[in-house]
């Protein structure tokens, strides 16, 4: 259901886009067929998106090489980096995206070591003996002389039922003169109530990752397997795209852009809330 909601949200945000022109029609690269090879690794997606490798994929381009980030080469590469079989992204949206990232005055690239992109990992864990779906969100951070992936957030359905902060008349509260009683009425928050979260600030949000790690340390949660991995990108100004892996016959396979949407003010926050399964 969450994936369906995100897809609907992305579709809605994609409406009313003005027609654009691109170097190449997405999915129709003008080459001799060498570009059709599958993008097998995420790192290769970065290199192709930025035009930092040869057409054959056997040579890396670095700053100073004649074809390093070449505009025409990028146009051909990016044209074959879309899911052209199952994605609902229309051709005009792709053209506008190409126009902006291939701008002669302000070309845009994606960067592995920068912020505004992260991984979403769908996994299976056992919790108190029962198999449960868990979604982990990971990001890259500096570590020593290099970088590392770290778990940033977690979505775990059993935890959602634990914290249900009451609202309105059903919400318990501590009287503003509680300090005159030495806060002895905290008893009703800690002993007489099954919703102690009712006595927290309005901005309170449970730290599910800490709870998850605590349960793992206790042995209540155990890792089983990984089901799926995808990546979310917000690095291109005013654009969001989702990177998915497609395993199927043909050339339009591997790591491809499955969702693409132009962002208006506030759209990024809305999409992030749905990605993180928050409302």
C-alpha atoms as a PDB file:
ATOM      1  CA  UNK A   1       0.000   0.000   0.000  1.00  0.00           C
ATOM      2  CA  UNK A   2       2.824   2.426   0.873  1.00  0.00           C
ATOM      3  CA  UNK A   3       4.474   1.816  -2.521  1.00  0.00           C
ATOM      4  CA  UNK A   4       1.140   2.422  -4.263  1.00  0.00           C
ATOM      5  CA  UNK A   5       0.630   5.686  -2.384  1.00  0.00           C
ATOM      6  CA  UNK A   6       4.135   6.874  -3.303  1.00  0.00           C
ATOM      7  CA  UNK A   7       3.545   5.987  -6.959  1.00  0.00           C
ATOM      8  CA  UNK A   8       0.259   7.920  -6.950  1.00  0.00           C
ATOM      9  CA  UNK A   9       1.950  10.878  -5.265  1.00  0.00           C
ATOM     10  CA  UNK A  10       4.750  10.914  -7.824  1.00  0.00           C
ATOM     11  CA  UNK A  11       2.217  10.692 -10.658  1.00  0.00           C
ATOM     12  CA  UNK A  12       0.179  13.600  -9.289  1.00  0.00           C
ATOM     13  CA  UNK A  13       3.256  15.769  -8.830  1.00  0.00           C
ATOM     14  CA  UNK A  14       4.289  15.019 -12.415  1.00  0.00           C
ATOM     15  CA  UNK A  15       1.144  16.517 -13.950  1.00  0.00           C
ATOM     16  CA  UNK A  16       1.012  19.841 -15.760  1.00  0.00           C
ATOM     17  CA  UNK A  17       4.627  19.766 -16.906  1.00  0.00           C
ATOM     18  CA  UNK A  18       5.356  21.934 -19.929  1.00  0.00           C
ATOM     19  CA  UNK A  19       6.805  20.218 -23.016  1.00  0.00           C
ATOM     20  CA  UNK A  20      10.592  20.243 -23.250  1.00  0.00           C
ATOM     21  CA  UNK A  21      13.277  19.442 -25.765  1.00  0.00           C
ATOM     22  CA  UNK A  22      16.228  17.111 -25.213  1.00  0.00           C
ATOM     23  CA  UNK A  23      19.330  16.027 -27.032  1.00  0.00           C
ATOM     24  CA  UNK A  24      17.843  12.573 -27.439  1.00  0.00           C
ATOM     25  CA  UNK A  25      14.457  10.987 -26.957  1.00  0.00           C
ATOM     26  CA  UNK A  26      14.684   8.982 -23.716  1.00  0.00           C
ATOM     27  CA  UNK A  27      15.064   5.302 -24.430  1.00  0.00           C
ATOM     28  CA  UNK A  28      16.048   5.921 -28.059  1.00  0.00           C
ATOM     29  CA  UNK A  29      19.832   6.474 -28.003  1.00  0.00           C
ATOM     30  CA  UNK A  30      21.380   7.232 -31.389  1.00  0.00           C
ATOM     31  CA  UNK A  31      24.278   4.787 -31.302  1.00  0.00           C
ATOM     32  CA  UNK A  32      25.427   1.505 -32.773  1.00  0.00           C
ATOM     33  CA  UNK A  33      23.964  -0.651 -30.011  1.00  0.00           C
ATOM     34  CA  UNK A  34      26.840  -0.555 -27.556  1.00  0.00           C
ATOM     35  CA  UNK A  35      24.841   1.628 -25.154  1.00  0.00           C
ATOM     36  CA  UNK A  36      22.226  -1.087 -24.781  1.00  0.00           C
ATOM     37  CA  UNK A  37      24.297  -3.120 -22.320  1.00  0.00           C
ATOM     38  CA  UNK A  38      22.687  -3.482 -18.898  1.00  0.00           C
ATOM     39  CA  UNK A  39      23.748  -1.127 -16.110  1.00  0.00           C
ATOM     40  CA  UNK A  40      24.727  -3.905 -13.732  1.00  0.00           C
ATOM     41  CA  UNK A  41      26.012  -1.901 -10.758  1.00  0.00           C
ATOM     42  CA  UNK A  42      24.910   1.221  -8.930  1.00  0.00           C
ATOM     43  CA  UNK A  43      28.425   2.648  -9.261  1.00  0.00           C
ATOM     44  CA  UNK A  44      28.152   2.152 -13.018  1.00  0.00           C
ATOM     45  CA  UNK A  45      24.878   4.079 -12.973  1.00  0.00           C
ATOM     46  CA  UNK A  46      26.760   7.001 -11.427  1.00  0.00           C
ATOM     47  CA  UNK A  47      29.499   6.792 -14.056  1.00  0.00           C
ATOM     48  CA  UNK A  48      27.046   6.580 -16.943  1.00  0.00           C
ATOM     49  CA  UNK A  49      24.835   9.357 -15.599  1.00  0.00           C
ATOM     50  CA  UNK A  50      27.884  11.622 -15.390  1.00  0.00           C
ATOM     51  CA  UNK A  51      29.628  10.272 -18.537  1.00  0.00           C
ATOM     52  CA  UNK A  52      32.676   9.076 -16.632  1.00  0.00           C
ATOM     53  CA  UNK A  53      33.240   5.811 -18.498  1.00  0.00           C
ATOM     54  CA  UNK A  54      33.563   4.686 -22.113  1.00  0.00           C
ATOM     55  CA  UNK A  55      30.699   3.389 -24.238  1.00  0.00           C
ATOM     56  CA  UNK A  56      32.033  -0.144 -23.876  1.00  0.00           C
ATOM     57  CA  UNK A  57      32.393   0.302 -20.114  1.00  0.00           C
ATOM     58  CA  UNK A  58      36.015  -0.841 -20.147  1.00  0.00           C
ATOM     59  CA  UNK A  59      37.617   2.554 -19.515  1.00  0.00           C
ATOM     60  CA  UNK A  60      37.114   5.141 -16.790  1.00  0.00           C
ATOM     61  CA  UNK A  61      37.244   8.824 -17.681  1.00  0.00           C
ATOM     62  CA  UNK A  62      38.793  11.303 -15.290  1.00  0.00           C
ATOM     63  CA  UNK A  63      39.062  15.070 -15.244  1.00  0.00           C
ATOM     64  CA  UNK A  64      41.350  16.037 -18.094  1.00  0.00           C
ATOM     65  CA  UNK A  65      40.208  13.244 -20.436  1.00  0.00           C
ATOM     66  CA  UNK A  66      38.587  14.634 -23.629  1.00  0.00           C
ATOM     67  CA  UNK A  67      35.334  12.692 -23.076  1.00  0.00           C
ATOM     68  CA  UNK A  68      35.102  13.250 -19.310  1.00  0.00           C
ATOM     69  CA  UNK A  69      31.502  14.392 -18.675  1.00  0.00           C
ATOM     70  CA  UNK A  70      31.068  15.043 -22.398  1.00  0.00           C
ATOM     71  CA  UNK A  71      27.606  16.508 -23.015  1.00  0.00           C
ATOM     72  CA  UNK A  72      26.768  14.386 -26.057  1.00  0.00           C
ATOM     73  CA  UNK A  73      28.006  11.202 -24.404  1.00  0.00           C
ATOM     74  CA  UNK A  74      25.940  11.990 -21.296  1.00  0.00           C
ATOM     75  CA  UNK A  75      22.838  12.504 -23.408  1.00  0.00           C
ATOM     76  CA  UNK A  76      23.214   9.076 -24.978  1.00  0.00           C
ATOM     77  CA  UNK A  77      23.959   7.383 -21.676  1.00  0.00           C
ATOM     78  CA  UNK A  78      21.115   8.962 -19.703  1.00  0.00           C
ATOM     79  CA  UNK A  79      18.633   8.174 -22.463  1.00  0.00           C
ATOM     80  CA  UNK A  80      19.054   4.460 -21.755  1.00  0.00           C
ATOM     81  CA  UNK A  81      19.010   4.815 -17.958  1.00  0.00           C
ATOM     82  CA  UNK A  82      15.193   4.890 -17.734  1.00  0.00           C
ATOM     83  CA  UNK A  83      12.831   1.980 -17.190  1.00  0.00           C
ATOM     84  CA  UNK A  84      11.010   2.117 -20.516  1.00  0.00           C
ATOM     85  CA  UNK A  85       8.834  -0.968 -19.999  1.00  0.00           C
ATOM     86  CA  UNK A  86       6.910  -0.543 -16.749  1.00  0.00           C
ATOM     87  CA  UNK A  87       7.486   3.047 -15.620  1.00  0.00           C
ATOM     88  CA  UNK A  88       4.661   5.602 -15.813  1.00  0.00           C
ATOM     89  CA  UNK A  89       7.084   8.485 -16.428  1.00  0.00           C
ATOM     90  CA  UNK A  90       6.047  10.216 -19.656  1.00  0.00           C
ATOM     91  CA  UNK A  91       8.481  11.208 -22.403  1.00  0.00           C
ATOM     92  CA  UNK A  92       7.965  14.960 -21.930  1.00  0.00           C
ATOM     93  CA  UNK A  93       9.023  14.715 -18.285  1.00  0.00           C
ATOM     94  CA  UNK A  94      12.142  12.820 -19.324  1.00  0.00           C
ATOM     95  CA  UNK A  95      12.943  15.470 -21.946  1.00  0.00           C
ATOM     96  CA  UNK A  96      12.658  18.273 -19.404  1.00  0.00           C
ATOM     97  CA  UNK A  97      14.891  16.360 -17.031  1.00  0.00           C
ATOM     98  CA  UNK A  98      17.483  15.836 -19.774  1.00  0.00           C
ATOM     99  CA  UNK A  99      17.344  19.503 -20.746  1.00  0.00           C
ATOM    100  CA  UNK A 100      18.171  20.639 -17.242  1.00  0.00           C
ATOM    101  CA  UNK A 101      20.914  18.183 -16.343  1.00  0.00           C
ATOM    102  CA  UNK A 102      22.569  18.643 -19.758  1.00  0.00           C
ATOM    103  CA  UNK A 103      22.378  22.439 -19.666  1.00  0.00           C
ATOM    104  CA  UNK A 104      25.440  23.976 -21.311  1.00  0.00           C
ATOM    105  CA  UNK A 105      25.560  26.741 -18.700  1.00  0.00           C
ATOM    106  CA  UNK A 106      24.672  24.725 -15.600  1.00  0.00           C
ATOM    107  CA  UNK A 107      25.021  20.963 -16.090  1.00  0.00           C
ATOM    108  CA  UNK A 108      24.104  18.847 -13.065  1.00  0.00           C
ATOM    109  CA  UNK A 109      25.675  15.614 -11.885  1.00  0.00           C
ATOM    110  CA  UNK A 110      25.117  13.075  -9.144  1.00  0.00           C
ATOM    111  CA  UNK A 111      27.769  12.430  -6.501  1.00  0.00           C
ATOM    112  CA  UNK A 112      28.269   9.243  -4.515  1.00  0.00           C
ATOM    113  CA  UNK A 113      29.764  10.942  -1.458  1.00  0.00           C
ATOM    114  CA  UNK A 114      27.288  13.807  -1.148  1.00  0.00           C
ATOM    115  CA  UNK A 115      24.002  14.028   0.723  1.00  0.00           C
ATOM    116  CA  UNK A 116      20.481  13.903  -0.709  1.00  0.00           C
ATOM    117  CA  UNK A 117      20.513  10.290  -1.808  1.00  0.00           C
ATOM    118  CA  UNK A 118      19.927   7.193   0.285  1.00  0.00           C
ATOM    119  CA  UNK A 119      19.106   3.495   0.101  1.00  0.00           C
ATOM    120  CA  UNK A 120      15.841   1.790   1.003  1.00  0.00           C
ATOM    121  CA  UNK A 121      16.272  -1.865   1.940  1.00  0.00           C
ATOM    122  CA  UNK A 122      13.306  -4.213   2.332  1.00  0.00           C
ATOM    123  CA  UNK A 123      14.265  -7.063   4.635  1.00  0.00           C
ATOM    124  CA  UNK A 124      12.829  -9.916   6.664  1.00  0.00           C
ATOM    125  CA  UNK A 125      13.519 -10.245  10.386  1.00  0.00           C
ATOM    126  CA  UNK A 126      12.038 -12.508  13.019  1.00  0.00           C
ATOM    127  CA  UNK A 127      10.499 -10.727  15.996  1.00  0.00           C
ATOM    128  CA  UNK A 128       9.610 -12.880  18.969  1.00  0.00           C
ATOM    129  CA  UNK A 129       9.616 -15.907  16.677  1.00  0.00           C
ATOM    130  CA  UNK A 130       7.433 -14.355  13.936  1.00  0.00           C
ATOM    131  CA  UNK A 131       8.690 -13.277  10.494  1.00  0.00           C
ATOM    132  CA  UNK A 132       8.199  -9.536   9.972  1.00  0.00           C
ATOM    133  CA  UNK A 133       8.818  -7.101   7.113  1.00  0.00           C
ATOM    134  CA  UNK A 134      11.318  -4.387   7.984  1.00  0.00           C
ATOM    135  CA  UNK A 135      12.338  -1.378   5.907  1.00  0.00           C
ATOM    136  CA  UNK A 136      15.779   0.051   6.590  1.00  0.00           C
ATOM    137  CA  UNK A 137      17.037   3.384   5.271  1.00  0.00           C
ATOM    138  CA  UNK A 138      20.786   3.754   4.895  1.00  0.00           C
ATOM    139  CA  UNK A 139      22.983   6.709   4.014  1.00  0.00           C
ATOM    140  CA  UNK A 140      26.649   7.311   3.241  1.00  0.00           C
ATOM    141  CA  UNK A 141      28.782   9.103   5.819  1.00  0.00           C
ATOM    142  CA  UNK A 142      32.504   9.889   6.144  1.00  0.00           C
ATOM    143  CA  UNK A 143      34.486   7.481   8.307  1.00  0.00           C
ATOM    144  CA  UNK A 144      38.195   7.873   8.886  1.00  0.00           C
ATOM    145  CA  UNK A 145      39.863   8.278   5.517  1.00  0.00           C
ATOM    146  CA  UNK A 146      36.889   6.832   3.645  1.00  0.00           C
ATOM    147  CA  UNK A 147      33.135   6.401   3.795  1.00  0.00           C
ATOM    148  CA  UNK A 148      30.641   3.898   5.137  1.00  0.00           C
ATOM    149  CA  UNK A 149      26.957   3.018   4.860  1.00  0.00           C
ATOM    150  CA  UNK A 150      25.024   3.504   8.105  1.00  0.00           C
ATOM    151  CA  UNK A 151      21.445   2.699   9.123  1.00  0.00           C
ATOM    152  CA  UNK A 152      19.619   6.004   9.445  1.00  0.00           C
ATOM    153  CA  UNK A 153      15.954   5.047   9.937  1.00  0.00           C
ATOM    154  CA  UNK A 154      13.757   1.986  10.253  1.00  0.00           C
ATOM    155  CA  UNK A 155      10.092   1.241   9.558  1.00  0.00           C
ATOM    156  CA  UNK A 156       8.805  -1.651  11.660  1.00  0.00           C
ATOM    157  CA  UNK A 157       5.051  -2.176  11.894  1.00  0.00           C
ATOM    158  CA  UNK A 158       4.945  -3.810  15.375  1.00  0.00           C
ATOM    159  CA  UNK A 159       6.430  -0.646  16.882  1.00  0.00           C
ATOM    160  CA  UNK A 160       3.744   1.593  15.395  1.00  0.00           C
ATOM    161  CA  UNK A 161       1.088   0.130  17.662  1.00  0.00           C
ATOM    162  CA  UNK A 162       3.158   0.845  20.760  1.00  0.00           C
ATOM    163  CA  UNK A 163       3.016   4.629  20.492  1.00  0.00           C
ATOM    164  CA  UNK A 164      -0.433   6.064  19.853  1.00  0.00           C
ATOM    165  CA  UNK A 165      -0.452   9.499  21.398  1.00  0.00           C
ATOM    166  CA  UNK A 166      -4.007  10.528  22.383  1.00  0.00           C
ATOM    167  CA  UNK A 167      -5.422  13.815  21.163  1.00  0.00           C
ATOM    168  CA  UNK A 168      -8.142  16.184  22.304  1.00  0.00           C
ATOM    169  CA  UNK A 169     -10.218  15.398  25.384  1.00  0.00           C
ATOM    170  CA  UNK A 170      -8.843  11.860  25.627  1.00  0.00           C
ATOM    171  CA  UNK A 171      -5.308  13.142  26.155  1.00  0.00           C
ATOM    172  CA  UNK A 172      -4.008  13.150  29.707  1.00  0.00           C
ATOM    173  CA  UNK A 173      -2.077  16.200  30.896  1.00  0.00           C
ATOM    174  CA  UNK A 174      -0.152  17.574  33.843  1.00  0.00           C
ATOM    175  CA  UNK A 175      -1.766  20.639  35.385  1.00  0.00           C
ATOM    176  CA  UNK A 176       0.246  23.864  34.946  1.00  0.00           C
ATOM    177  CA  UNK A 177       0.468  24.116  38.755  1.00  0.00           C
ATOM    178  CA  UNK A 178       1.982  20.640  39.067  1.00  0.00           C
ATOM    179  CA  UNK A 179       5.271  22.162  40.147  1.00  0.00           C
ATOM    180  CA  UNK A 180       3.609  23.408  43.343  1.00  0.00           C
ATOM    181  CA  UNK A 181       2.910  19.770  44.216  1.00  0.00           C
ATOM    182  CA  UNK A 182       6.486  18.742  43.575  1.00  0.00           C
ATOM    183  CA  UNK A 183       5.210  16.965  40.450  1.00  0.00           C
ATOM    184  CA  UNK A 184       3.780  14.198  42.616  1.00  0.00           C
ATOM    185  CA  UNK A 185       0.984  13.871  40.043  1.00  0.00           C
ATOM    186  CA  UNK A 186       3.479  12.229  37.692  1.00  0.00           C
ATOM    187  CA  UNK A 187       2.020   9.064  39.199  1.00  0.00           C
ATOM    188  CA  UNK A 188      -0.891   9.288  36.764  1.00  0.00           C
ATOM    189  CA  UNK A 189       1.541   9.449  33.839  1.00  0.00           C
ATOM    190  CA  UNK A 190       3.710   6.548  34.943  1.00  0.00           C
ATOM    191  CA  UNK A 191       1.384   4.268  36.896  1.00  0.00           C
ATOM    192  CA  UNK A 192      -2.221   5.128  36.098  1.00  0.00           C
ATOM    193  CA  UNK A 193      -1.885   5.506  32.313  1.00  0.00           C
ATOM    194  CA  UNK A 194      -1.061   3.088  29.513  1.00  0.00           C
ATOM    195  CA  UNK A 195      -0.171   6.007  27.220  1.00  0.00           C
ATOM    196  CA  UNK A 196       2.717   7.823  28.930  1.00  0.00           C
ATOM    197  CA  UNK A 197       3.542   9.380  25.550  1.00  0.00           C
ATOM    198  CA  UNK A 198       0.507  11.625  26.131  1.00  0.00           C
ATOM    199  CA  UNK A 199       2.673  13.647  28.516  1.00  0.00           C
ATOM    200  CA  UNK A 200       5.384  14.418  25.965  1.00  0.00           C
ATOM    201  CA  UNK A 201       5.812  17.614  23.886  1.00  0.00           C
ATOM    202  CA  UNK A 202       3.784  18.166  20.717  1.00  0.00           C
ATOM    203  CA  UNK A 203       6.903  17.653  18.611  1.00  0.00           C
ATOM    204  CA  UNK A 204       7.699  14.303  20.249  1.00  0.00           C
ATOM    205  CA  UNK A 205       8.427  11.505  17.785  1.00  0.00           C
ATOM    206  CA  UNK A 206       9.426   7.973  18.841  1.00  0.00           C
ATOM    207  CA  UNK A 207      12.964   6.923  17.964  1.00  0.00           C
ATOM    208  CA  UNK A 208      12.130   3.632  16.270  1.00  0.00           C
ATOM    209  CA  UNK A 209      15.732   2.939  15.288  1.00  0.00           C
ATOM    210  CA  UNK A 210      16.876   2.977  18.914  1.00  0.00           C
ATOM    211  CA  UNK A 211      13.996   0.677  19.860  1.00  0.00           C
ATOM    212  CA  UNK A 212      14.859  -1.641  16.981  1.00  0.00           C
ATOM    213  CA  UNK A 213      18.526  -1.855  17.971  1.00  0.00           C
ATOM    214  CA  UNK A 214      17.567  -2.376  21.615  1.00  0.00           C
ATOM    215  CA  UNK A 215      15.329  -5.313  20.704  1.00  0.00           C
ATOM    216  CA  UNK A 216      18.128  -6.744  18.565  1.00  0.00           C
ATOM    217  CA  UNK A 217      20.568  -6.509  21.461  1.00  0.00           C
ATOM    218  CA  UNK A 218      18.046  -8.330  23.649  1.00  0.00           C
ATOM    219  CA  UNK A 219      17.769 -11.059  21.021  1.00  0.00           C
ATOM    220  CA  UNK A 220      14.090 -10.402  20.292  1.00  0.00           C
ATOM    221  CA  UNK A 221      14.803  -9.400  16.677  1.00  0.00           C
ATOM    222  CA  UNK A 222      16.958 -11.507  14.371  1.00  0.00           C
ATOM    223  CA  UNK A 223      17.954 -10.857  10.763  1.00  0.00           C
ATOM    224  CA  UNK A 224      16.744 -13.296   8.100  1.00  0.00           C
ATOM    225  CA  UNK A 225      17.240 -11.967   4.545  1.00  0.00           C
ATOM    226  CA  UNK A 226      17.046  -9.045   2.092  1.00  0.00           C
ATOM    227  CA  UNK A 227      14.098  -8.862  -0.313  1.00  0.00           C
ATOM    228  CA  UNK A 228      14.691  -5.682  -2.294  1.00  0.00           C
ATOM    229  CA  UNK A 229      16.898  -2.595  -2.567  1.00  0.00           C
ATOM    230  CA  UNK A 230      16.156   0.769  -4.161  1.00  0.00           C
ATOM    231  CA  UNK A 231      17.671   4.243  -4.010  1.00  0.00           C
ATOM    232  CA  UNK A 232      16.129   7.703  -3.711  1.00  0.00           C
ATOM    233  CA  UNK A 233      17.826  10.756  -5.244  1.00  0.00           C
ATOM    234  CA  UNK A 234      17.208  14.436  -4.500  1.00  0.00           C
ATOM    235  CA  UNK A 235      20.609  15.664  -5.734  1.00  0.00           C
ATOM    236  CA  UNK A 236      19.343  17.246  -8.956  1.00  0.00           C
ATOM    237  CA  UNK A 237      17.847  20.682  -8.288  1.00  0.00           C
ATOM    238  CA  UNK A 238      14.032  20.544  -8.259  1.00  0.00           C
ATOM    239  CA  UNK A 239      13.914  16.869  -9.232  1.00  0.00           C
ATOM    240  CA  UNK A 240      13.416  13.533  -7.510  1.00  0.00           C
ATOM    241  CA  UNK A 241      14.078  10.138  -9.020  1.00  0.00           C
ATOM    242  CA  UNK A 242      13.999   6.566  -7.785  1.00  0.00           C
ATOM    243  CA  UNK A 243      16.589   4.015  -8.861  1.00  0.00           C
ATOM    244  CA  UNK A 244      15.390   0.406  -9.129  1.00  0.00           C
ATOM    245  CA  UNK A 245      16.926  -2.843 -10.299  1.00  0.00           C
ATOM    246  CA  UNK A 246      15.123  -4.642 -13.128  1.00  0.00           C
ATOM    247  CA  UNK A 247      15.954  -8.266 -13.895  1.00  0.00           C
ATOM    248  CA  UNK A 248      14.235  -9.243 -17.143  1.00  0.00           C
ATOM    249  CA  UNK A 249      15.035 -10.275 -20.722  1.00  0.00           C
ATOM    250  CA  UNK A 250      16.214  -7.652 -23.180  1.00  0.00           C
ATOM    251  CA  UNK A 251      18.499  -4.632 -22.950  1.00  0.00           C
ATOM    252  CA  UNK A 252      16.335  -2.386 -20.739  1.00  0.00           C
ATOM    253  CA  UNK A 253      17.543  -4.067 -17.553  1.00  0.00           C
ATOM    254  CA  UNK A 254      19.749  -3.455 -14.555  1.00  0.00           C
ATOM    255  CA  UNK A 255      19.719  -0.290 -12.458  1.00  0.00           C
ATOM    256  CA  UNK A 256      17.283   2.148 -14.066  1.00  0.00           C
ATOM    257  CA  UNK A 257      15.260   5.237 -13.154  1.00  0.00           C
ATOM    258  CA  UNK A 258      11.789   3.963 -12.278  1.00  0.00           C
ATOM    259  CA  UNK A 259      10.187   7.166 -10.960  1.00  0.00           C
ATOM    260  CA  UNK A 260      10.915  10.763 -11.913  1.00  0.00           C
ATOM    261  CA  UNK A 261       9.160  13.948 -10.825  1.00  0.00           C
ATOM    262  CA  UNK A 262       9.786  17.675 -10.918  1.00  0.00           C
ATOM    263  CA  UNK A 263       9.582  19.146  -7.428  1.00  0.00           C
ATOM    264  CA  UNK A 264       7.641  22.221  -6.440  1.00  0.00           C
ATOM    265  CA  UNK A 265       8.076  23.913  -3.042  1.00  0.00           C
ATOM    266  CA  UNK A 266       7.080  21.454  -0.322  1.00  0.00           C
ATOM    267  CA  UNK A 267       7.072  18.401  -2.606  1.00  0.00           C
ATOM    268  CA  UNK A 268      10.363  17.043  -1.293  1.00  0.00           C
ATOM    269  CA  UNK A 269       9.068  16.984   2.271  1.00  0.00           C
ATOM    270  CA  UNK A 270       5.826  15.297   1.155  1.00  0.00           C
ATOM    271  CA  UNK A 271       7.663  12.579  -0.754  1.00  0.00           C
ATOM    272  CA  UNK A 272      10.052  11.973   2.143  1.00  0.00           C
ATOM    273  CA  UNK A 273       7.128  11.523   4.534  1.00  0.00           C
ATOM    274  CA  UNK A 274       5.678   8.824   2.297  1.00  0.00           C
ATOM    275  CA  UNK A 275       9.038   7.171   1.729  1.00  0.00           C
ATOM    276  CA  UNK A 276       9.603   7.003   5.475  1.00  0.00           C
ATOM    277  CA  UNK A 277       6.023   5.804   5.942  1.00  0.00           C
ATOM    278  CA  UNK A 278       5.134   8.820   8.044  1.00  0.00           C
ATOM    279  CA  UNK A 279       2.090  11.121   7.902  1.00  0.00           C
END
